[in-house]
Amino acid sequence: MKKNLLMVLILVPCLLSAQHRLTHADSLAMFKNKHKELRQRYALDSVAISKVLPQRPHNLVNDYTHTLSDRDKRSLENKLDALDAAKMAQLAIVIVPSVGKYDAMEYGFGLAQTWGIGQKRKNNGVLILVAINDHKAAILTGLGLENFITDAVCDKIIQNSLFPHFKNGDFFGGLDEGTYQLITLIKAHR
């Protein structure tokens, strides 16, 4: 079903362009407007979500389930601090027991908005959200990185890096590999 929907989403702008002789810029504007609508929907929901979110911490690695050892947290934190210090992007990891009644993307968007992940005016934040008890994960990117860290790339990282490790109980291994891939992409495009 998802493949069919994706094909429809890809084909519709192409068909519209052919029928109405829309320029590439017009098609791009239509896509951006749809993207803006989705962001506004999540932003409205983030008001309700902000009431159940943890307070903004001072660290980039936040494990509210005590799944990671102190050593694992330090290792990830050092990697993320180095990226942040280089002013290329800000990557944060949040591990929660559950996202409750919310979708992982919805919860993550509320978290990213409330906490202000990313550097001001660059919109270059990346959030890796893991909901342990729900068996869910999401990677959310700021608009400044979406040209090369697309939703498809995020899904691939979740499916091929995070989940295989998580299924074996190796949460650090999955997060370490996933952050490595994201940082490699960011460095290649900055």
C-alpha atoms as a PDB file:
ATOM      1  CA  MET A   1       0.000   0.000   0.000  1.00  0.00           C
ATOM      2  CA  LYS A   2       2.808   2.445   0.889  1.00  0.00           C
ATOM      3  CA  LYS A   3       4.547   1.863  -2.453  1.00  0.00           C
ATOM      4  CA  ASN A   4       1.328   2.587  -4.336  1.00  0.00           C
ATOM      5  CA  LEU A   5       0.739   5.756  -2.335  1.00  0.00           C
ATOM      6  CA  LEU A   6       4.314   6.871  -2.967  1.00  0.00           C
ATOM      7  CA  MET A   7       3.906   6.280  -6.683  1.00  0.00           C
ATOM      8  CA  VAL A   8       0.706   8.336  -6.660  1.00  0.00           C
ATOM      9  CA  LEU A   9       2.419  11.139  -4.777  1.00  0.00           C
ATOM     10  CA  ILE A  10       5.259  11.143  -7.274  1.00  0.00           C
ATOM     11  CA  LEU A  11       3.054  10.833 -10.354  1.00  0.00           C
ATOM     12  CA  VAL A  12       0.429  13.412  -9.438  1.00  0.00           C
ATOM     13  CA  PRO A  13       2.762  16.443  -9.729  1.00  0.00           C
ATOM     14  CA  CYS A  14       4.084  15.005 -13.006  1.00  0.00           C
ATOM     15  CA  LEU A  15       0.568  14.571 -14.407  1.00  0.00           C
ATOM     16  CA  LEU A  16      -0.455  18.011 -13.237  1.00  0.00           C
ATOM     17  CA  SER A  17       2.610  19.465 -14.888  1.00  0.00           C
ATOM     18  CA  ALA A  18       1.733  17.822 -18.181  1.00  0.00           C
ATOM     19  CA  GLN A  19      -1.940  18.810 -18.034  1.00  0.00           C
ATOM     20  CA  HIS A  20      -1.546  22.368 -16.883  1.00  0.00           C
ATOM     21  CA  ARG A  21       1.921  23.082 -18.196  1.00  0.00           C
ATOM     22  CA  LEU A  22       3.176  23.897 -14.716  1.00  0.00           C
ATOM     23  CA  THR A  23       6.801  24.780 -14.469  1.00  0.00           C
ATOM     24  CA  HIS A  24       9.191  22.892 -12.229  1.00  0.00           C
ATOM     25  CA  ALA A  25       9.063  25.867  -9.857  1.00  0.00           C
ATOM     26  CA  ASP A  26       5.255  25.588  -9.672  1.00  0.00           C
ATOM     27  CA  SER A  27       5.460  21.863  -8.913  1.00  0.00           C
ATOM     28  CA  LEU A  28       8.069  22.549  -6.252  1.00  0.00           C
ATOM     29  CA  ALA A  29       5.871  25.257  -4.744  1.00  0.00           C
ATOM     30  CA  MET A  30       2.944  22.803  -4.593  1.00  0.00           C
ATOM     31  CA  PHE A  31       5.159  20.262  -2.811  1.00  0.00           C
ATOM     32  CA  LYS A  32       6.396  22.889  -0.335  1.00  0.00           C
ATOM     33  CA  ASN A  33       2.827  23.996   0.416  1.00  0.00           C
ATOM     34  CA  LYS A  34       1.791  20.398   1.142  1.00  0.00           C
ATOM     35  CA  HIS A  35       4.877  19.999   3.341  1.00  0.00           C
ATOM     36  CA  LYS A  36       3.979  23.224   5.156  1.00  0.00           C
ATOM     37  CA  GLU A  37       0.430  21.928   5.768  1.00  0.00           C
ATOM     38  CA  LEU A  38       1.821  18.763   7.373  1.00  0.00           C
ATOM     39  CA  ARG A  39       4.198  20.772   9.553  1.00  0.00           C
ATOM     40  CA  GLN A  40       1.334  23.032  10.658  1.00  0.00           C
ATOM     41  CA  ARG A  41      -0.760  19.980  11.572  1.00  0.00           C
ATOM     42  CA  TYR A  42       2.052  18.588  13.676  1.00  0.00           C
ATOM     43  CA  ALA A  43       2.672  22.030  15.195  1.00  0.00           C
ATOM     44  CA  LEU A  44      -0.972  22.250  16.305  1.00  0.00           C
ATOM     45  CA  ASP A  45      -0.744  18.795  17.825  1.00  0.00           C
ATOM     46  CA  SER A  46       2.566  19.703  19.476  1.00  0.00           C
ATOM     47  CA  VAL A  47       0.716  22.126  21.766  1.00  0.00           C
ATOM     48  CA  ALA A  48      -1.137  19.185  23.324  1.00  0.00           C
ATOM     49  CA  ILE A  49       1.953  16.993  23.187  1.00  0.00           C
ATOM     50  CA  SER A  50       4.097  19.604  24.959  1.00  0.00           C
ATOM     51  CA  LYS A  51       2.103  18.913  28.121  1.00  0.00           C
ATOM     52  CA  VAL A  52       3.380  15.310  28.231  1.00  0.00           C
ATOM     53  CA  LEU A  53       6.959  15.915  27.064  1.00  0.00           C
ATOM     54  CA  PRO A  54       9.947  15.804  29.380  1.00  0.00           C
ATOM     55  CA  GLN A  55      11.599  19.135  30.172  1.00  0.00           C
ATOM     56  CA  ARG A  56      14.416  20.296  27.883  1.00  0.00           C
ATOM     57  CA  PRO A  57      17.672  18.767  29.131  1.00  0.00           C
ATOM     58  CA  HIS A  58      21.214  20.061  28.738  1.00  0.00           C
ATOM     59  CA  ASN A  59      22.492  16.937  26.948  1.00  0.00           C
ATOM     60  CA  LEU A  60      22.082  15.718  23.384  1.00  0.00           C
ATOM     61  CA  VAL A  61      21.614  12.093  24.504  1.00  0.00           C
ATOM     62  CA  ASN A  62      18.571  11.677  26.729  1.00  0.00           C
ATOM     63  CA  ASP A  63      17.649   8.201  27.903  1.00  0.00           C
ATOM     64  CA  TYR A  64      14.512   8.300  30.042  1.00  0.00           C
ATOM     65  CA  THR A  65      14.428   4.487  30.212  1.00  0.00           C
ATOM     66  CA  HIS A  66      17.970   3.893  31.523  1.00  0.00           C
ATOM     67  CA  THR A  67      18.561   1.545  28.583  1.00  0.00           C
ATOM     68  CA  LEU A  68      22.050   2.853  27.765  1.00  0.00           C
ATOM     69  CA  SER A  69      25.005   2.510  30.112  1.00  0.00           C
ATOM     70  CA  ASP A  70      26.801   5.675  31.239  1.00  0.00           C
ATOM     71  CA  ARG A  71      29.719   4.696  29.003  1.00  0.00           C
ATOM     72  CA  ASP A  72      27.418   4.308  25.963  1.00  0.00           C
ATOM     73  CA  LYS A  73      25.762   7.659  26.654  1.00  0.00           C
ATOM     74  CA  ARG A  74      29.165   9.383  26.935  1.00  0.00           C
ATOM     75  CA  SER A  75      30.340   7.813  23.681  1.00  0.00           C
ATOM     76  CA  LEU A  76      27.264   9.011  21.790  1.00  0.00           C
ATOM     77  CA  GLU A  77      27.308  12.393  23.536  1.00  0.00           C
ATOM     78  CA  ASN A  78      30.954  12.994  22.525  1.00  0.00           C
ATOM     79  CA  LYS A  79      30.133  12.239  18.889  1.00  0.00           C
ATOM     80  CA  LEU A  80      27.097  14.537  18.893  1.00  0.00           C
ATOM     81  CA  ASP A  81      28.918  17.318  20.760  1.00  0.00           C
ATOM     82  CA  ALA A  82      31.674  17.294  18.127  1.00  0.00           C
ATOM     83  CA  LEU A  83      29.115  17.710  15.348  1.00  0.00           C
ATOM     84  CA  ASP A  84      27.386  20.522  17.250  1.00  0.00           C
ATOM     85  CA  ALA A  85      30.689  22.280  17.931  1.00  0.00           C
ATOM     86  CA  ALA A  86      31.548  22.184  14.224  1.00  0.00           C
ATOM     87  CA  LYS A  87      28.280  24.140  13.611  1.00  0.00           C
ATOM     88  CA  MET A  88      27.228  21.736  10.848  1.00  0.00           C
ATOM     89  CA  ALA A  89      24.074  20.458  12.572  1.00  0.00           C
ATOM     90  CA  GLN A  90      22.715  19.464  15.949  1.00  0.00           C
ATOM     91  CA  LEU A  91      21.710  15.840  16.407  1.00  0.00           C
ATOM     92  CA  ALA A  92      19.825  14.694  19.509  1.00  0.00           C
ATOM     93  CA  ILE A  93      18.805  11.248  20.730  1.00  0.00           C
ATOM     94  CA  VAL A  94      15.775  10.745  22.955  1.00  0.00           C
ATOM     95  CA  ILE A  95      14.759   7.368  24.357  1.00  0.00           C
ATOM     96  CA  VAL A  96      11.368   7.273  26.060  1.00  0.00           C
ATOM     97  CA  PRO A  97       9.315   4.378  27.421  1.00  0.00           C
ATOM     98  CA  SER A  98       6.320   5.247  25.215  1.00  0.00           C
ATOM     99  CA  VAL A  99       4.863   7.993  23.048  1.00  0.00           C
ATOM    100  CA  GLY A 100       1.463   7.221  24.550  1.00  0.00           C
ATOM    101  CA  LYS A 101      -1.492   7.851  22.268  1.00  0.00           C
ATOM    102  CA  TYR A 102       0.658   9.814  19.825  1.00  0.00           C
ATOM    103  CA  ASP A 103       2.304   8.763  16.600  1.00  0.00           C
ATOM    104  CA  ALA A 104       6.119   8.645  16.914  1.00  0.00           C
ATOM    105  CA  MET A 105       6.541  11.362  14.259  1.00  0.00           C
ATOM    106  CA  GLU A 106       3.952  13.570  15.940  1.00  0.00           C
ATOM    107  CA  TYR A 107       5.577  13.126  19.364  1.00  0.00           C
ATOM    108  CA  GLY A 108       9.031  13.700  17.888  1.00  0.00           C
ATOM    109  CA  PHE A 109       7.952  16.853  16.079  1.00  0.00           C
ATOM    110  CA  GLY A 110       6.487  18.211  19.302  1.00  0.00           C
ATOM    111  CA  LEU A 111       9.721  17.369  21.092  1.00  0.00           C
ATOM    112  CA  ALA A 112      11.908  18.990  18.427  1.00  0.00           C
ATOM    113  CA  GLN A 113       9.762  22.131  18.388  1.00  0.00           C
ATOM    114  CA  THR A 114       9.492  22.415  22.167  1.00  0.00           C
ATOM    115  CA  TRP A 115      13.172  21.776  22.821  1.00  0.00           C
ATOM    116  CA  GLY A 116      14.439  23.780  19.845  1.00  0.00           C
ATOM    117  CA  ILE A 117      16.748  21.114  18.433  1.00  0.00           C
ATOM    118  CA  GLY A 118      19.072  22.632  15.835  1.00  0.00           C
ATOM    119  CA  GLN A 119      20.949  25.873  15.519  1.00  0.00           C
ATOM    120  CA  LYS A 120      18.983  29.107  15.251  1.00  0.00           C
ATOM    121  CA  ARG A 121      18.265  30.360  11.731  1.00  0.00           C
ATOM    122  CA  LYS A 122      19.818  27.224  10.187  1.00  0.00           C
ATOM    123  CA  ASN A 123      16.952  24.819  10.930  1.00  0.00           C
ATOM    124  CA  ASN A 124      19.544  22.037  10.984  1.00  0.00           C
ATOM    125  CA  GLY A 125      18.370  19.812  13.787  1.00  0.00           C
ATOM    126  CA  VAL A 126      18.025  16.029  13.655  1.00  0.00           C
ATOM    127  CA  LEU A 127      16.149  14.048  16.278  1.00  0.00           C
ATOM    128  CA  ILE A 128      16.358  10.308  16.722  1.00  0.00           C
ATOM    129  CA  LEU A 129      13.402   9.246  18.856  1.00  0.00           C
ATOM    130  CA  VAL A 130      13.107   5.725  20.245  1.00  0.00           C
ATOM    131  CA  ALA A 131      10.001   4.552  22.140  1.00  0.00           C
ATOM    132  CA  ILE A 132      11.165   1.320  23.780  1.00  0.00           C
ATOM    133  CA  ASN A 133       7.846  -0.178  24.934  1.00  0.00           C
ATOM    134  CA  ASP A 134       6.065   0.808  21.703  1.00  0.00           C
ATOM    135  CA  HIS A 135       8.825  -0.704  19.518  1.00  0.00           C
ATOM    136  CA  LYS A 136       8.869   2.524  17.487  1.00  0.00           C
ATOM    137  CA  ALA A 137      11.556   4.831  16.217  1.00  0.00           C
ATOM    138  CA  ALA A 138      11.534   8.033  14.193  1.00  0.00           C
ATOM    139  CA  ILE A 139      14.147  10.319  12.710  1.00  0.00           C
ATOM    140  CA  LEU A 140      13.068  13.915  12.182  1.00  0.00           C
ATOM    141  CA  THR A 141      15.117  16.488  10.298  1.00  0.00           C
ATOM    142  CA  GLY A 142      14.974  20.256  10.094  1.00  0.00           C
ATOM    143  CA  LEU A 143      14.227  21.885   6.758  1.00  0.00           C
ATOM    144  CA  GLY A 144      17.872  22.884   6.382  1.00  0.00           C
ATOM    145  CA  LEU A 145      18.873  19.204   6.054  1.00  0.00           C
ATOM    146  CA  GLU A 146      15.888  17.721   4.224  1.00  0.00           C
ATOM    147  CA  ASN A 147      17.521  18.079   0.801  1.00  0.00           C
ATOM    148  CA  PHE A 148      19.869  15.185   1.568  1.00  0.00           C
ATOM    149  CA  ILE A 149      18.455  13.561   4.712  1.00  0.00           C
ATOM    150  CA  THR A 150      15.102  12.735   3.193  1.00  0.00           C
ATOM    151  CA  ASP A 151      12.282  10.730   4.731  1.00  0.00           C
ATOM    152  CA  ALA A 152      13.382   7.772   2.591  1.00  0.00           C
ATOM    153  CA  VAL A 153      16.937   8.012   3.951  1.00  0.00           C
ATOM    154  CA  CYS A 154      15.602   8.205   7.515  1.00  0.00           C
ATOM    155  CA  ASP A 155      13.398   5.165   6.963  1.00  0.00           C
ATOM    156  CA  LYS A 156      16.345   3.234   5.509  1.00  0.00           C
ATOM    157  CA  ILE A 157      18.493   4.069   8.554  1.00  0.00           C
ATOM    158  CA  ILE A 158      15.701   2.984  10.903  1.00  0.00           C
ATOM    159  CA  GLN A 159      15.024  -0.277   9.060  1.00  0.00           C
ATOM    160  CA  ASN A 160      18.635  -1.251   8.253  1.00  0.00           C
ATOM    161  CA  SER A 161      20.606   0.142  11.186  1.00  0.00           C
ATOM    162  CA  LEU A 162      18.459   0.813  14.224  1.00  0.00           C
ATOM    163  CA  PHE A 163      15.917  -2.032  14.223  1.00  0.00           C
ATOM    164  CA  PRO A 164      18.301  -4.931  13.463  1.00  0.00           C
ATOM    165  CA  HIS A 165      20.425  -3.956  16.484  1.00  0.00           C
ATOM    166  CA  PHE A 166      17.391  -3.180  18.640  1.00  0.00           C
ATOM    167  CA  LYS A 167      15.904  -6.629  17.959  1.00  0.00           C
ATOM    168  CA  ASN A 168      19.063  -8.130  19.483  1.00  0.00           C
ATOM    169  CA  GLY A 169      18.881  -5.823  22.519  1.00  0.00           C
ATOM    170  CA  ASP A 170      21.838  -3.750  21.257  1.00  0.00           C
ATOM    171  CA  PHE A 171      20.397  -0.248  21.502  1.00  0.00           C
ATOM    172  CA  PHE A 172      23.820   1.398  21.660  1.00  0.00           C
ATOM    173  CA  GLY A 173      24.956  -0.443  18.512  1.00  0.00           C
ATOM    174  CA  GLY A 174      21.899   0.715  16.575  1.00  0.00           C
ATOM    175  CA  LEU A 175      22.191   4.317  17.732  1.00  0.00           C
ATOM    176  CA  ASP A 176      25.943   4.345  17.128  1.00  0.00           C
ATOM    177  CA  GLU A 177      25.515   3.062  13.563  1.00  0.00           C
ATOM    178  CA  GLY A 178      22.548   5.345  12.848  1.00  0.00           C
ATOM    179  CA  THR A 179      24.317   8.462  14.111  1.00  0.00           C
ATOM    180  CA  TYR A 180      27.422   7.520  12.132  1.00  0.00           C
ATOM    181  CA  GLN A 181      25.360   7.379   8.931  1.00  0.00           C
ATOM    182  CA  LEU A 182      23.622  10.682   9.651  1.00  0.00           C
ATOM    183  CA  ILE A 183      26.874  12.461  10.539  1.00  0.00           C
ATOM    184  CA  THR A 184      28.549  11.093   7.405  1.00  0.00           C
ATOM    185  CA  LEU A 185      25.715  12.498   5.273  1.00  0.00           C
ATOM    186  CA  ILE A 186      25.856  15.871   7.022  1.00  0.00           C
ATOM    187  CA  LYS A 187      29.646  16.167   6.603  1.00  0.00           C
ATOM    188  CA  ALA A 188      29.426  15.189   2.934  1.00  0.00           C
ATOM    189  CA  HIS A 189      26.967  18.030   2.244  1.00  0.00           C
ATOM    190  CA  ARG A 190      28.469  20.812   4.350  1.00  0.00           C
END
